Structure formats: structure tokens, C-alpha cells
C-alpha atoms as a PDB file:
ATOM      1  CA  MET A   1    -100.008 -79.630  39.914  1.00  0.00           C
ATOM      2  CA  ASN A   2    -101.375 -79.206  36.368  1.00  0.00           C
ATOM      3  CA  THR A   3    -105.138 -79.906  36.125  1.00  0.00           C
ATOM      4  CA  ARG A   4    -105.306 -80.619  32.375  1.00  0.00           C
ATOM      5  CA  ILE A   5    -104.409 -83.786  30.445  1.00  0.00           C
ATOM      6  CA  VAL A   6    -104.930 -84.700  26.871  1.00  0.00           C
ATOM      7  CA  ILE A   7    -105.424 -88.380  25.972  1.00  0.00           C
ATOM      8  CA  ILE A   8    -104.245 -89.428  22.514  1.00  0.00           C
ATOM      9  CA  PRO A   9    -104.802 -93.064  21.452  1.00  0.00           C
ATOM     10  CA  THR A  10    -102.280 -94.248  18.843  1.00  0.00           C
ATOM     11  CA  TYR A  11    -101.667 -97.061  16.472  1.00  0.00           C
ATOM     12  CA  ASN A  12     -98.896 -96.589  13.838  1.00  0.00           C
ATOM     13  CA  GLU A  13     -98.721 -92.761  14.264  1.00  0.00           C
ATOM     14  CA  ILE A  14     -94.946 -92.525  13.951  1.00  0.00           C
ATOM     15  CA  GLU A  15     -95.326 -89.849  11.264  1.00  0.00           C
ATOM     16  CA  ASN A  16     -97.344 -87.562  13.491  1.00  0.00           C
ATOM     17  CA  ILE A  17     -96.551 -88.387  17.120  1.00  0.00           C
ATOM     18  CA  GLN A  18     -93.551 -86.147  17.792  1.00  0.00           C
ATOM     19  CA  ALA A  19     -95.121 -83.120  16.136  1.00  0.00           C
ATOM     20  CA  ILE A  20     -98.409 -83.454  17.926  1.00  0.00           C
ATOM     21  CA  ILE A  21     -96.691 -83.914  21.290  1.00  0.00           C
ATOM     22  CA  GLU A  22     -94.424 -80.896  20.814  1.00  0.00           C
ATOM     23  CA  LYS A  23     -97.374 -78.739  19.708  1.00  0.00           C
ATOM     24  CA  VAL A  24     -99.512 -79.582  22.696  1.00  0.00           C
ATOM     25  CA  LEU A  25     -96.622 -79.036  25.082  1.00  0.00           C
ATOM     26  CA  SER A  26     -96.130 -75.551  23.650  1.00  0.00           C
ATOM     27  CA  LEU A  27     -99.635 -74.403  24.525  1.00  0.00           C
ATOM     28  CA  GLU A  28    -100.748 -71.948  27.250  1.00  0.00           C
ATOM     29  CA  PRO A  29    -102.247 -72.815  29.667  1.00  0.00           C
ATOM     30  CA  VAL A  30    -100.162 -75.993  30.159  1.00  0.00           C
ATOM     31  CA  PHE A  31    -101.560 -79.371  29.092  1.00  0.00           C
ATOM     32  CA  ASP A  32    -100.095 -82.693  30.056  1.00  0.00           C
ATOM     33  CA  LEU A  33    -100.248 -85.665  27.653  1.00  0.00           C
ATOM     34  CA  LEU A  34    -101.163 -89.291  27.975  1.00  0.00           C
ATOM     35  CA  ILE A  35    -100.477 -91.498  24.945  1.00  0.00           C
ATOM     36  CA  VAL A  36    -102.289 -94.821  24.884  1.00  0.00           C
ATOM     37  CA  ASP A  37    -100.471 -96.954  22.357  1.00  0.00           C
ATOM     38  CA  ASP A  38    -101.916-100.258  21.108  1.00  0.00           C
ATOM     39  CA  GLY A  39     -98.647-102.048  20.313  1.00  0.00           C
ATOM     40  CA  SER A  40     -97.797 -99.969  17.263  1.00  0.00           C
ATOM     41  CA  PRO A  41     -95.298-101.938  15.140  1.00  0.00           C
ATOM     42  CA  ASP A  42     -93.897 -98.721  13.596  1.00  0.00           C
ATOM     43  CA  GLY A  43     -92.190 -97.570  16.838  1.00  0.00           C
ATOM     44  CA  THR A  44     -94.671 -94.948  17.982  1.00  0.00           C
ATOM     45  CA  ALA A  45     -94.244 -95.892  21.694  1.00  0.00           C
ATOM     46  CA  ALA A  46     -90.425 -95.822  21.383  1.00  0.00           C
ATOM     47  CA  CYS A  47     -90.681 -92.299  20.083  1.00  0.00           C
ATOM     48  CA  VAL A  48     -92.855 -91.226  22.943  1.00  0.00           C
ATOM     49  CA  LYS A  49     -90.364 -92.757  25.417  1.00  0.00           C
ATOM     50  CA  THR A  50     -87.613 -90.758  23.882  1.00  0.00           C
ATOM     51  CA  LEU A  51     -89.625 -87.544  24.207  1.00  0.00           C
ATOM     52  CA  GLN A  52     -90.442 -88.452  27.792  1.00  0.00           C
ATOM     53  CA  GLN A  53     -86.820 -88.081  28.789  1.00  0.00           C
ATOM     54  CA  ALA A  54     -87.091 -84.322  28.388  1.00  0.00           C
ATOM     55  CA  HIS A  55     -90.544 -83.986  29.917  1.00  0.00           C
ATOM     56  CA  PRO A  56     -90.997 -86.854  32.426  1.00  0.00           C
ATOM     57  CA  ASP A  57     -93.747 -85.097  34.386  1.00  0.00           C
ATOM     58  CA  ARG A  58     -95.772 -83.961  31.407  1.00  0.00           C
ATOM     59  CA  ILE A  59     -95.717 -86.990  28.944  1.00  0.00           C
ATOM     60  CA  HIS A  60     -97.287 -90.123  30.118  1.00  0.00           C
ATOM     61  CA  LEU A  61     -97.530 -93.467  28.243  1.00  0.00           C
ATOM     62  CA  LEU A  62     -99.775 -96.459  28.478  1.00  0.00           C
ATOM     63  CA  GLU A  63     -98.738 -99.431  26.330  1.00  0.00           C
ATOM     64  CA  ARG A  64    -101.268-102.120  25.359  1.00  0.00           C
ATOM     65  CA  ASN A  65    -100.860-105.421  23.549  1.00  0.00           C
ATOM     66  CA  GLY A  66    -102.494-105.087  20.169  1.00  0.00           C
ATOM     67  CA  LYS A  67    -105.361-103.196  18.724  1.00  0.00           C
ATOM     68  CA  LEU A  68    -108.024-103.206  21.463  1.00  0.00           C
ATOM     69  CA  GLY A  69    -110.236-100.451  20.143  1.00  0.00           C
ATOM     70  CA  LEU A  70    -110.618 -96.717  20.462  1.00  0.00           C
ATOM     71  CA  GLY A  71    -113.186 -96.963  23.213  1.00  0.00           C
ATOM     72  CA  THR A  72    -111.183 -99.146  25.462  1.00  0.00           C
ATOM     73  CA  ALA A  73    -108.091 -96.923  24.941  1.00  0.00           C
ATOM     74  CA  TYR A  74    -110.063 -93.895  26.138  1.00  0.00           C
ATOM     75  CA  ILE A  75    -111.517 -95.769  29.107  1.00  0.00           C
ATOM     76  CA  ALA A  76    -107.957 -96.843  30.152  1.00  0.00           C
ATOM     77  CA  GLY A  77    -106.934 -93.194  29.719  1.00  0.00           C
ATOM     78  CA  PHE A  78    -109.920 -91.877  31.745  1.00  0.00           C
ATOM     79  CA  LYS A  79    -109.108 -94.147  34.647  1.00  0.00           C
ATOM     80  CA  TYR A  80    -105.444 -93.110  34.588  1.00  0.00           C
ATOM     81  CA  ALA A  81    -106.354 -89.421  34.538  1.00  0.00           C
ATOM     82  CA  LEU A  82    -108.812 -89.860  37.436  1.00  0.00           C
ATOM     83  CA  GLU A  83    -106.210 -91.678  39.476  1.00  0.00           C
ATOM     84  CA  LYS A  84    -103.770 -88.830  38.906  1.00  0.00           C
ATOM     85  CA  TYR A  85    -106.462 -86.216  40.005  1.00  0.00           C
ATOM     86  CA  TYR A  86    -106.697 -84.289  36.766  1.00  0.00           C
ATOM     87  CA  GLU A  87    -109.724 -81.979  36.621  1.00  0.00           C
ATOM     88  CA  TYR A  88    -110.022 -81.441  32.813  1.00  0.00           C
ATOM     89  CA  ILE A  89    -109.602 -84.511  30.699  1.00  0.00           C
ATOM     90  CA  PHE A  90    -109.417 -84.214  26.900  1.00  0.00           C
ATOM     91  CA  GLU A  91    -109.803 -86.612  23.941  1.00  0.00           C
ATOM     92  CA  MET A  92    -107.869 -85.824  20.818  1.00  0.00           C
ATOM     93  CA  ASP A  93    -106.622 -87.581  17.610  1.00  0.00           C
ATOM     94  CA  ALA A  94    -102.908 -87.833  16.854  1.00  0.00           C
ATOM     95  CA  ASP A  95    -103.090 -86.900  13.240  1.00  0.00           C
ATOM     96  CA  PHE A  96    -103.689 -83.133  13.402  1.00  0.00           C
ATOM     97  CA  SER A  97    -107.318 -83.556  12.199  1.00  0.00           C
ATOM     98  CA  HIS A  98    -107.970 -81.764  15.528  1.00  0.00           C
ATOM     99  CA  ASN A  99    -106.132 -78.480  15.748  1.00  0.00           C
ATOM    100  CA  PRO A 100    -104.281 -78.503  19.120  1.00  0.00           C
ATOM    101  CA  ASP A 101    -104.869 -74.755  19.448  1.00  0.00           C
ATOM    102  CA  ASP A 102    -108.567 -75.556  19.965  1.00  0.00           C
ATOM    103  CA  LEU A 103    -107.733 -77.307  23.232  1.00  0.00           C
ATOM    104  CA  VAL A 104    -107.655 -73.937  24.819  1.00  0.00           C
ATOM    105  CA  ARG A 105    -111.134 -73.075  23.660  1.00  0.00           C
ATOM    106  CA  LEU A 106    -112.551 -76.465  24.831  1.00  0.00           C
ATOM    107  CA  TYR A 107    -110.915 -75.846  28.227  1.00  0.00           C
ATOM    108  CA  ASP A 108    -112.413 -72.352  28.410  1.00  0.00           C
ATOM    109  CA  ALA A 109    -115.946 -73.726  27.782  1.00  0.00           C
ATOM    110  CA  CYS A 110    -115.512 -76.053  30.800  1.00  0.00           C
ATOM    111  CA  ALA A 111    -113.546 -73.795  33.081  1.00  0.00           C
ATOM    112  CA  ASN A 112    -115.387 -70.503  32.438  1.00  0.00           C
ATOM    113  CA  GLN A 113    -118.682 -71.135  30.605  1.00  0.00           C
ATOM    114  CA  GLY A 114    -120.206 -73.758  32.845  1.00  0.00           C
ATOM    115  CA  ALA A 115    -119.915 -76.837  30.664  1.00  0.00           C
ATOM    116  CA  PHE A 116    -119.121 -80.217  32.084  1.00  0.00           C
ATOM    117  CA  MET A 117    -118.450 -81.517  28.566  1.00  0.00           C
ATOM    118  CA  SER A 118    -117.278 -79.380  25.746  1.00  0.00           C
ATOM    119  CA  ILE A 119    -117.289 -80.838  22.158  1.00  0.00           C
ATOM    120  CA  GLY A 120    -115.142 -79.645  19.214  1.00  0.00           C
ATOM    121  CA  SER A 121    -118.004 -79.563  16.724  1.00  0.00           C
ATOM    122  CA  ARG A 122    -117.654 -79.771  12.959  1.00  0.00           C
ATOM    123  CA  TYR A 123    -121.302 -78.948  12.362  1.00  0.00           C
ATOM    124  CA  ILE A 124    -122.456 -76.414  14.895  1.00  0.00           C
ATOM    125  CA  ASN A 125    -121.827 -73.611  12.436  1.00  0.00           C
ATOM    126  CA  GLY A 126    -122.485 -75.250   9.049  1.00  0.00           C
ATOM    127  CA  VAL A 127    -120.077 -77.867   7.797  1.00  0.00           C
ATOM    128  CA  ASN A 128    -116.432 -77.229   8.681  1.00  0.00           C
ATOM    129  CA  VAL A 129    -114.450 -80.165   7.246  1.00  0.00           C
ATOM    130  CA  VAL A 130    -111.332 -79.943   5.049  1.00  0.00           C
ATOM    131  CA  ASN A 131    -109.970 -82.598   2.685  1.00  0.00           C
ATOM    132  CA  TRP A 132    -112.808 -85.051   3.026  1.00  0.00           C
ATOM    133  CA  PRO A 133    -114.549 -86.459  -0.150  1.00  0.00           C
ATOM    134  CA  ILE A 134    -118.096 -85.214  -0.388  1.00  0.00           C
ATOM    135  CA  GLY A 135    -119.445 -88.756   0.211  1.00  0.00           C
ATOM    136  CA  ARG A 136    -117.782 -88.942   3.605  1.00  0.00           C
ATOM    137  CA  VAL A 137    -118.845 -85.416   4.506  1.00  0.00           C
ATOM    138  CA  LEU A 138    -122.491 -86.319   3.713  1.00  0.00           C
ATOM    139  CA  MET A 139    -122.246 -89.601   5.596  1.00  0.00           C
ATOM    140  CA  SER A 140    -120.849 -87.937   8.728  1.00  0.00           C
ATOM    141  CA  TYR A 141    -123.332 -84.968   8.598  1.00  0.00           C
ATOM    142  CA  PHE A 142    -126.353 -87.176   8.207  1.00  0.00           C
ATOM    143  CA  ALA A 143    -125.013 -89.538  10.940  1.00  0.00           C
ATOM    144  CA  GLY A 144    -125.435 -86.536  13.231  1.00  0.00           C
ATOM    145  CA  PHE A 145    -128.973 -86.061  12.132  1.00  0.00           C
ATOM    146  CA  TYR A 146    -129.678 -89.725  12.575  1.00  0.00           C
ATOM    147  CA  VAL A 147    -128.246 -89.664  16.132  1.00  0.00           C
ATOM    148  CA  ARG A 148    -130.420 -86.677  17.074  1.00  0.00           C
ATOM    149  CA  PHE A 149    -133.499 -88.289  15.555  1.00  0.00           C
ATOM    150  CA  ILE A 150    -133.076 -91.632  17.425  1.00  0.00           C
ATOM    151  CA  THR A 151    -131.834 -90.365  20.731  1.00  0.00           C
ATOM    152  CA  GLY A 152    -133.373 -86.867  21.070  1.00  0.00           C
ATOM    153  CA  MET A 153    -129.933 -85.593  22.104  1.00  0.00           C
ATOM    154  CA  PRO A 154    -129.508 -81.951  21.055  1.00  0.00           C
ATOM    155  CA  ILE A 155    -125.919 -82.331  19.754  1.00  0.00           C
ATOM    156  CA  GLN A 156    -124.997 -81.488  16.167  1.00  0.00           C
ATOM    157  CA  ASP A 157    -121.728 -83.513  16.176  1.00  0.00           C
ATOM    158  CA  ALA A 158    -122.411 -86.598  18.250  1.00  0.00           C
ATOM    159  CA  THR A 159    -119.558 -88.591  16.725  1.00  0.00           C
ATOM    160  CA  ALA A 160    -117.007 -85.894  17.421  1.00  0.00           C
ATOM    161  CA  GLY A 161    -113.769 -87.256  19.041  1.00  0.00           C
ATOM    162  CA  PHE A 162    -112.417 -83.855  20.175  1.00  0.00           C
ATOM    163  CA  VAL A 163    -113.808 -83.416  23.679  1.00  0.00           C
ATOM    164  CA  CYS A 164    -113.090 -82.014  27.145  1.00  0.00           C
ATOM    165  CA  TYR A 165    -114.628 -83.595  30.257  1.00  0.00           C
ATOM    166  CA  ARG A 166    -114.757 -82.258  33.811  1.00  0.00           C
ATOM    167  CA  ARG A 167    -113.632 -85.047  36.097  1.00  0.00           C
ATOM    168  CA  MET A 168    -117.106 -85.180  37.783  1.00  0.00           C
ATOM    169  CA  VAL A 169    -118.583 -86.505  34.522  1.00  0.00           C
ATOM    170  CA  LEU A 170    -116.135 -89.387  34.321  1.00  0.00           C
ATOM    171  CA  GLU A 171    -116.551 -90.097  38.071  1.00  0.00           C
ATOM    172  CA  THR A 172    -120.312 -90.280  37.545  1.00  0.00           C
ATOM    173  CA  ILE A 173    -120.456 -92.510  34.416  1.00  0.00           C
ATOM    174  CA  PRO A 174    -119.977 -96.167  35.157  1.00  0.00           C
ATOM    175  CA  LEU A 175    -116.964 -96.473  32.772  1.00  0.00           C
ATOM    176  CA  ASP A 176    -116.861-100.311  32.905  1.00  0.00           C
ATOM    177  CA  GLN A 177    -120.360-100.400  31.510  1.00  0.00           C
ATOM    178  CA  ILE A 178    -119.569 -98.389  28.376  1.00  0.00           C
ATOM    179  CA  LYS A 179    -119.706-101.118  25.743  1.00  0.00           C
ATOM    180  CA  PHE A 180    -118.873 -99.669  22.288  1.00  0.00           C
ATOM    181  CA  ILE A 181    -115.287 -99.433  20.951  1.00  0.00           C
ATOM    182  CA  GLY A 182    -115.606 -97.516  17.642  1.00  0.00           C
ATOM    183  CA  TYR A 183    -117.315 -94.281  16.699  1.00  0.00           C
ATOM    184  CA  ALA A 184    -120.368 -95.518  18.658  1.00  0.00           C
ATOM    185  CA  PHE A 185    -118.181 -95.037  21.764  1.00  0.00           C
ATOM    186  CA  GLN A 186    -118.214 -91.286  21.101  1.00  0.00           C
ATOM    187  CA  VAL A 187    -122.003 -91.246  20.809  1.00  0.00           C
ATOM    188  CA  GLU A 188    -122.430 -93.376  23.893  1.00  0.00           C
ATOM    189  CA  MET A 189    -120.269 -91.109  26.013  1.00  0.00           C
ATOM    190  CA  LYS A 190    -122.132 -87.999  24.943  1.00  0.00           C
ATOM    191  CA  PHE A 191    -125.473 -89.679  25.339  1.00  0.00           C
ATOM    192  CA  THR A 192    -124.736 -90.965  28.833  1.00  0.00           C
ATOM    193  CA  THR A 193    -123.342 -87.523  29.847  1.00  0.00           C
ATOM    194  CA  TRP A 194    -126.516 -85.899  28.609  1.00  0.00           C
ATOM    195  CA  LYS A 195    -128.745 -88.501  30.330  1.00  0.00           C
ATOM    196  CA  TYR A 196    -126.995 -87.726  33.644  1.00  0.00           C
ATOM    197  CA  GLY A 197    -127.918 -84.061  33.150  1.00  0.00           C
ATOM    198  CA  PHE A 198    -124.507 -82.501  32.633  1.00  0.00           C
ATOM    199  CA  LYS A 199    -124.273 -79.259  30.650  1.00  0.00           C
ATOM    200  CA  MET A 200    -122.714 -79.734  27.242  1.00  0.00           C
ATOM    201  CA  ILE A 201    -121.399 -77.027  24.926  1.00  0.00           C
ATOM    202  CA  GLU A 202    -120.381 -77.398  21.310  1.00  0.00           C
ATOM    203  CA  VAL A 203    -117.361 -75.323  20.307  1.00  0.00           C
ATOM    204  CA  PRO A 204    -117.039 -74.745  16.571  1.00  0.00           C
ATOM    205  CA  ILE A 205    -113.825 -76.126  15.039  1.00  0.00           C
ATOM    206  CA  ILE A 206    -112.473 -76.708  11.557  1.00  0.00           C
ATOM    207  CA  PHE A 207    -111.717 -80.460  11.083  1.00  0.00           C
ATOM    208  CA  THR A 208    -108.811 -81.174   8.663  1.00  0.00           C
ATOM    209  CA  ASP A 209    -108.376 -84.802   7.456  1.00  0.00           C
ATOM    210  CA  ARG A 210    -104.929 -86.302   8.163  1.00  0.00           C
ATOM    211  CA  THR A 211    -102.185 -85.725   5.672  1.00  0.00           C
ATOM    212  CA  LYS A 212     -99.849 -88.332   7.127  1.00  0.00           C
ATOM    213  CA  GLY A 213    -100.479 -91.917   8.153  1.00  0.00           C
ATOM    214  CA  GLU A 214    -103.482 -94.088   7.468  1.00  0.00           C
ATOM    215  CA  SER A 215    -107.086 -93.570   8.483  1.00  0.00           C
ATOM    216  CA  LYS A 216    -108.497 -96.087  11.082  1.00  0.00           C
ATOM    217  CA  MET A 217    -112.111 -95.816   9.690  1.00  0.00           C
ATOM    218  CA  SER A 218    -113.672 -99.143   8.630  1.00  0.00           C
ATOM    219  CA  ALA A 219    -117.032-100.509   7.580  1.00  0.00           C
ATOM    220  CA  ASN A 220    -117.363-102.387  10.873  1.00  0.00           C
ATOM    221  CA  ILE A 221    -116.783 -99.145  12.839  1.00  0.00           C
ATOM    222  CA  PHE A 222    -119.532 -97.338  10.838  1.00  0.00           C
ATOM    223  CA  LYS A 223    -121.868-100.336  11.225  1.00  0.00           C
ATOM    224  CA  GLU A 224    -121.415-100.261  15.002  1.00  0.00           C
ATOM    225  CA  ALA A 225    -122.357 -96.606  15.084  1.00  0.00           C
ATOM    226  CA  ILE A 226    -125.497 -97.044  13.012  1.00  0.00           C
ATOM    227  CA  PHE A 227    -126.939-100.062  14.983  1.00  0.00           C
ATOM    228  CA  GLY A 228    -125.314 -98.991  18.257  1.00  0.00           C
ATOM    229  CA  VAL A 229    -127.440 -95.807  18.384  1.00  0.00           C
ATOM    230  CA  ILE A 230    -130.656 -97.811  18.315  1.00  0.00           C
ATOM    231  CA  GLN A 231    -129.346-100.149  20.996  1.00  0.00           C
ATOM    232  CA  LEU A 232    -128.333 -97.146  23.121  1.00  0.00           C
ATOM    233  CA  LYS A 233    -131.799 -95.718  22.961  1.00  0.00           C
ATOM    234  CA  VAL A 234    -133.524 -98.947  23.758  1.00  0.00           C
ATOM    235  CA  ASN A 235    -131.201 -99.801  26.663  1.00  0.00           C
ATOM    236  CA  SER A 236    -131.740 -96.269  28.099  1.00  0.00           C
ATOM    237  CA  LEU A 237    -135.471 -96.971  28.487  1.00  0.00           C
ATOM    238  CA  PHE A 238    -134.560 -99.505  31.175  1.00  0.00           C
ATOM    239  CA  LYS A 239    -131.923 -97.535  33.003  1.00  0.00           C
ATOM    240  CA  ARG A 240    -131.943 -95.011  35.786  1.00  0.00           C
ATOM    241  CA  TYR A 241    -129.394 -92.187  35.274  1.00  0.00           C
ATOM    242  CA  GLN A 242    -128.881 -91.068  38.845  1.00  0.00           C
ATOM    243  CA  ALA A 243    -125.479 -89.957  40.212  1.00  0.00           C
ATOM    244  CA  ASN A 244    -124.389 -91.642  43.438  1.00  0.00           C
END
């Protein structure tokens, strides 16, 4: 049985979904795929079902009713992957902003370098972002500084959405208690992993903004990240992070 699965949440990704699936399936070592689609009206899920016919054991699909948020999509995906006994569980965007080739490097960090979480980092070696306006680059970069200042977590790219988890991490974290659904979800997962004492490694990547489809970024998502970090820190003062 394959031990690696890549979770890709989708909403209206018909322009990207076939290409991203075919690229991930072409990689060595082998990666399976789980698409978590939030009722895309553009036919994303139907495209996945068509591709499933050729790869029924490697392409998996969870369909949900409506836009329920990035965080809940990943939580649903994590639970699915744990039920299917995958050892290495990945998060990745559908729009090629994350280079699928880097999945191999994230896997290597967990399989061979002792990491329990590996993070595709835009900022561990300077600023490696392509096609973003300078305002968004600065906002993202200083968001990382803000997270480090508030939480004390030694991660350069805390909002990164390109991640590999060892299953032990996701078995340890009480997934039903993860509360954020936007970019703050990414911070919360890294913060919680760090608080439980798991080793984390940042792997340098080049992030390229999408060229097809529409961005899901919004003011509410950014606001959640800003205020959510403070809430995370305060709540952590009253929690015990001890694995069962």
C-alpha cells in the first residue's frame, strides 16, 4: 500500500484540476490524491470523477455541500487519510502556486531528516514569491514576523499551505478542537504541532501565484489570521499540550 497522500481542497478549480492531478500522479515516489471539493458549480468534482476511472486506487474524492472553509476541508481530509492508514499526509493548493515537484522534498524531510512536519517555506531563504504585487509580498512577509513575535514559534513562513505531516502529528492533535478555517488555520496547525514538541523543518520553495482561476483570499480571511494569532497565544496559556 502507498503511504503518501496529497490533500487538495477545491472550489471552482476546473481550469487547474486535471493538470495538477496528472502532474502529482506522475511523480516518483508515488503519491495518492484526495480532492476535497466544496460543491464547485464549475464541474471540478465531475472532472475528478472522470479521472478516477483510470486511477480508482490513487484518486479519492470527498464532496461537500457549499463553501465550508479551507480549515474544515483539511480536517475532513486528515480524518480520511488517517482512516486509510496513510503515514505521510500532505497539504497542497490546486492552482500550481505550489510546485508539485517539491512534494518529493517535503517527503524527504519527514522520511529521512527526522521531521514530523515539513513546511514548504517562501521565506526561509529570503523572499521567494513570483507574480505577487509588492504590497501582498510585504503583507505576507510581515505576517510571518508578526506570528513569530506573538507566539514565539521559530517558523519563518507560518501561513504556508504546502505541508507534510507524519500521521503521528495528526493522531496527537485533537482535530475537532482546531477552530480556525482561513489562513489562521495554517498558523494554528503549526503552532499546535510545535507546542506538542514535534520537530519541524522548513524546506525552501519558490511560490508562484496562480495564472488560472480566481484567488480565494479575502479581507475576512486576513482579519482572522491577525486576530486569531493573539487568541491562539492567549488560549495556549491555559492548555496542556501532552500526547495521550
